[in-house]
Amino acid sequence: MNFAAATEVLTCADRELWLVTAADRDRRGGLIATFVSRASIVRELPRVLVGIGKQHYSWELIESSGAFGLHLLGEQHLPWVWRFGLQSGRATDKFDGLTARPGMTGSPIMDEAGGWLDCRVESQLETGDRTVYLAEVVDACHPRAAPLLTVRRLLELAPANRRIELKRQMESDSLADAAAIREWRQRSRS
C-alpha cells in the first residue's frame, strides 16, 4: 500500500472548517472539524453526516444530548480555531467571553459564525476511532458573504507556533485513532 499516495489524494480536497458545539445540562463544549457533509438533497429534509473522534469532550456531550450545532467559519474566526481546536473542554470553558445561545436542540449557537445549523442525531455508526452521526437539521441561519475558512487557508494564515501545535496535536490524535481503528477492525473480524 502506498500510504503517501493515499494521503496526497485525500488532501487534494480543501475542506471547509466547521465549529461543532454541543451541550448537556450545564456542560458545553466545541471542537473544530472537517468531517462534515451534506447527507440529503431533499430541501424539506436537510441532513448532515459528521464524524467526531471519541477522545473529545464534545463527543461525550453529543452522546449525552443527541444533538450538536455546526458553524461555518470565515477568516475572521481564526481565533475560534485556536480556542476550540487547540485546548480541551475538559480543562477550560471554551465559550468564556464569547456570545453563545441555546439553539432549538439546546446546543450552543454562535450567531457570529458564517452560517450555522442546529442538528438532532437520527442515527450513528461506530468506526473505531470516531462516531459518524447522521443528523436532521432542525434550524439554520444562511451563510454570510465572507470567504469560508478551509484547511489550506488556515495553514497559510497560521503563525509558525500555531502550525507546530496543530501538527503536534494531529500526530497525537493520529496515534490514538490508529490504535482505536486497529482494535475495532480486530473486533469486527472476529
Protein backbone atom coordinates (compact mmCIF):
# COMPACT_ATOMS: atom_id res chain seq x y z
CA MET A 1 0.00 0.00 0.00
CA ASN A 2 1.33 3.41 -0.94
CA PHE A 3 0.27 5.41 2.15
CA ALA A 4 1.89 8.63 0.88
CA ALA A 5 -0.15 8.48 -2.34
CA ALA A 6 -3.37 7.82 -0.41
CA THR A 7 -2.65 10.80 1.85
CA GLU A 8 -1.95 13.04 -1.15
CA VAL A 9 -5.19 12.03 -2.88
CA LEU A 10 -7.24 12.60 0.29
CA THR A 11 -5.71 16.03 0.93
CA CYS A 12 -6.49 17.27 -2.59
CA ALA A 13 -9.94 18.29 -1.37
CA ASP A 14 -9.55 21.52 0.58
CA ARG A 15 -12.27 21.03 3.20
CA GLU A 16 -14.01 23.87 4.99
CA LEU A 17 -13.56 24.18 8.75
CA TRP A 18 -16.58 23.77 10.99
CA LEU A 19 -17.05 24.57 14.65
CA VAL A 20 -19.08 21.75 16.22
CA THR A 21 -20.76 22.67 19.51
CA ALA A 22 -22.72 20.57 21.98
CA ALA A 23 -24.17 20.86 25.46
CA ASP A 24 -25.63 18.57 28.08
CA ARG A 25 -27.28 20.27 31.06
CA ASP A 26 -24.64 22.70 32.42
CA ARG A 27 -21.75 21.25 30.39
CA ARG A 28 -20.85 22.64 26.97
CA GLY A 29 -18.01 22.26 24.53
CA GLY A 30 -16.91 22.54 20.96
CA LEU A 31 -14.26 21.42 18.52
CA ILE A 32 -13.01 22.15 15.02
CA ALA A 33 -13.94 19.55 12.41
CA THR A 34 -13.62 18.90 8.68
CA PHE A 35 -15.63 15.65 8.58
CA VAL A 36 -18.97 17.34 7.83
CA SER A 37 -21.02 16.52 4.72
CA ARG A 38 -24.46 17.17 3.38
CA ALA A 39 -26.47 13.95 3.59
CA SER A 40 -29.70 14.79 1.77
CA ILE A 41 -30.69 16.63 -1.39
CA VAL A 42 -34.29 16.92 -0.20
CA ARG A 43 -34.81 20.61 0.56
CA GLU A 44 -37.54 19.93 3.14
CA LEU A 45 -35.50 17.22 4.90
CA PRO A 46 -31.95 18.57 5.33
CA ARG A 47 -29.48 16.16 6.93
CA VAL A 48 -25.75 16.06 7.61
CA LEU A 49 -23.07 13.49 8.35
CA VAL A 50 -20.49 14.42 10.97
CA GLY A 51 -17.56 12.33 12.23
CA ILE A 52 -16.40 13.05 15.79
CA GLY A 53 -13.39 11.44 17.49
CA LYS A 54 -14.31 9.53 20.64
CA GLN A 55 -11.46 11.06 22.64
CA HIS A 56 -13.06 14.52 22.51
CA TYR A 57 -15.14 16.07 25.27
CA SER A 58 -17.61 17.26 22.62
CA TRP A 59 -18.18 13.61 21.62
CA GLU A 60 -19.29 12.90 25.20
CA LEU A 61 -21.69 15.84 25.04
CA ILE A 62 -23.18 14.72 21.72
CA GLU A 63 -23.58 11.20 23.05
CA SER A 64 -25.40 12.55 26.13
CA SER A 65 -27.57 15.15 24.41
CA GLY A 66 -28.18 13.60 20.98
CA ALA A 67 -27.64 16.99 19.38
CA PHE A 68 -25.00 19.42 18.13
CA GLY A 69 -24.55 22.75 16.38
CA LEU A 70 -22.47 23.24 13.23
CA HIS A 71 -20.92 26.61 12.39
CA LEU A 72 -19.15 27.62 9.20
CA LEU A 73 -16.06 29.70 9.83
CA GLY A 74 -14.56 32.58 7.89
CA GLU A 75 -11.06 34.01 8.16
CA GLN A 76 -12.29 36.42 10.84
CA HIS A 77 -12.95 33.36 13.05
CA LEU A 78 -9.30 32.29 13.18
CA PRO A 79 -9.22 32.96 16.97
CA TRP A 80 -12.07 30.44 17.34
CA VAL A 81 -9.91 27.80 15.65
CA TRP A 82 -7.20 28.22 18.29
CA ARG A 83 -9.75 28.36 21.12
CA PHE A 84 -11.83 25.36 20.05
CA GLY A 85 -9.12 23.38 18.26
CA LEU A 86 -6.06 23.51 20.49
CA GLN A 87 -7.38 23.04 24.02
CA SER A 88 -9.62 20.56 25.79
CA GLY A 89 -13.10 21.42 27.01
CA ARG A 90 -12.42 19.18 29.99
CA ALA A 91 -9.84 21.72 31.20
CA THR A 92 -11.47 25.03 30.26
CA ASP A 93 -14.74 26.65 29.23
CA LYS A 94 -14.05 27.34 25.56
CA PHE A 95 -17.04 29.69 25.44
CA ASP A 96 -15.74 32.00 28.17
CA GLY A 97 -16.06 35.59 26.89
CA LEU A 98 -17.97 34.56 23.73
CA THR A 99 -21.65 35.02 22.96
CA ALA A 100 -23.50 31.75 22.52
CA ARG A 101 -27.18 30.99 22.94
CA PRO A 102 -29.02 27.67 23.20
CA GLY A 103 -30.50 26.53 19.90
CA MET A 104 -33.70 24.52 19.49
CA THR A 105 -31.81 21.37 20.48
CA GLY A 106 -30.05 23.06 23.41
CA SER A 107 -26.74 23.12 21.54
CA PRO A 108 -24.73 26.34 21.79
CA ILE A 109 -25.30 28.53 18.73
CA MET A 110 -22.77 31.18 17.73
CA ASP A 111 -24.71 33.77 15.72
CA GLU A 112 -21.45 35.45 14.66
CA ALA A 113 -20.46 32.39 12.59
CA GLY A 114 -20.56 32.45 8.80
CA GLY A 115 -23.71 30.33 8.98
CA TRP A 116 -24.97 27.66 11.34
CA LEU A 117 -27.07 24.50 11.58
CA ASP A 118 -28.75 23.15 14.70
CA CYS A 119 -28.86 19.35 14.43
CA ARG A 120 -30.51 16.39 16.17
CA VAL A 121 -28.90 12.94 15.85
CA GLU A 122 -31.03 10.41 13.97
CA SER A 123 -28.56 7.54 13.69
CA GLN A 124 -24.91 6.76 14.26
CA LEU A 125 -22.18 4.44 13.07
CA GLU A 126 -19.25 3.36 15.21
CA THR A 127 -15.98 3.20 13.27
CA GLY A 128 -13.43 2.53 15.99
CA ASP A 129 -11.78 5.93 16.33
CA ARG A 130 -14.91 8.02 15.90
CA THR A 131 -18.65 8.03 15.65
CA VAL A 132 -20.29 9.12 12.43
CA TYR A 133 -23.58 10.85 13.17
CA LEU A 134 -26.45 11.21 10.73
CA ALA A 135 -28.44 14.20 11.92
CA GLU A 136 -31.50 16.15 10.88
CA VAL A 137 -31.15 19.90 10.63
CA VAL A 138 -33.85 21.45 12.82
CA ASP A 139 -32.85 25.11 12.45
CA ALA A 140 -30.37 27.12 10.39
CA CYS A 141 -29.03 30.56 9.52
CA HIS A 142 -27.79 31.15 5.97
CA PRO A 143 -24.11 31.89 5.39
CA ARG A 144 -22.78 35.38 5.19
CA ALA A 145 -20.87 36.53 2.09
CA ALA A 146 -17.37 36.18 3.60
CA PRO A 147 -14.98 33.55 2.17
CA LEU A 148 -15.03 30.29 4.12
CA LEU A 149 -12.01 29.19 6.11
CA THR A 150 -10.56 25.98 4.67
CA VAL A 151 -7.76 23.75 5.88
CA ARG A 152 -5.34 25.10 3.26
CA ARG A 153 -6.17 28.73 4.10
CA LEU A 154 -5.85 28.02 7.83
CA LEU A 155 -2.32 26.75 7.29
CA GLU A 156 -1.47 29.81 5.18
CA LEU A 157 -2.76 32.18 7.88
CA ALA A 158 -1.45 30.35 10.94
CA PRO A 159 1.66 31.73 12.64
CA ALA A 160 4.55 29.26 12.87
CA ASN A 161 3.91 28.41 16.53
CA ARG A 162 0.26 27.55 15.78
CA ARG A 163 1.24 25.38 12.77
CA ILE A 164 3.66 23.49 15.03
CA GLU A 165 0.94 22.98 17.65
CA LEU A 166 -1.58 21.87 15.00
CA LYS A 167 0.91 19.34 13.63
CA ARG A 168 1.75 18.04 17.12
CA GLN A 169 -1.90 17.64 18.00
CA MET A 170 -2.71 15.92 14.68
CA GLU A 171 0.14 13.46 15.20
CA SER A 172 -1.07 12.72 18.73
CA ASP A 173 -4.67 12.27 17.56
CA SER A 174 -3.46 10.08 14.68
CA LEU A 175 -1.72 7.69 17.07
CA ALA A 176 -4.84 7.40 19.25
CA ASP A 177 -7.07 7.00 16.19
CA ALA A 178 -4.82 4.31 14.69
CA ALA A 179 -4.98 2.22 17.87
CA ALA A 180 -8.78 2.58 18.02
CA ILE A 181 -9.21 1.65 14.34
CA ARG A 182 -6.99 -1.43 14.67
CA GLU A 183 -8.88 -2.58 17.79
CA TRP A 184 -12.24 -2.02 16.08
CA ARG A 185 -11.14 -3.93 12.97
CA GLN A 186 -9.92 -6.80 15.12
CA ARG A 187 -13.28 -6.99 16.93
CA SER A 188 -15.20 -6.68 13.65
CA ARG A 189 -13.28 -9.53 12.03
CA SER A 190 -13.66 -11.96 14.93
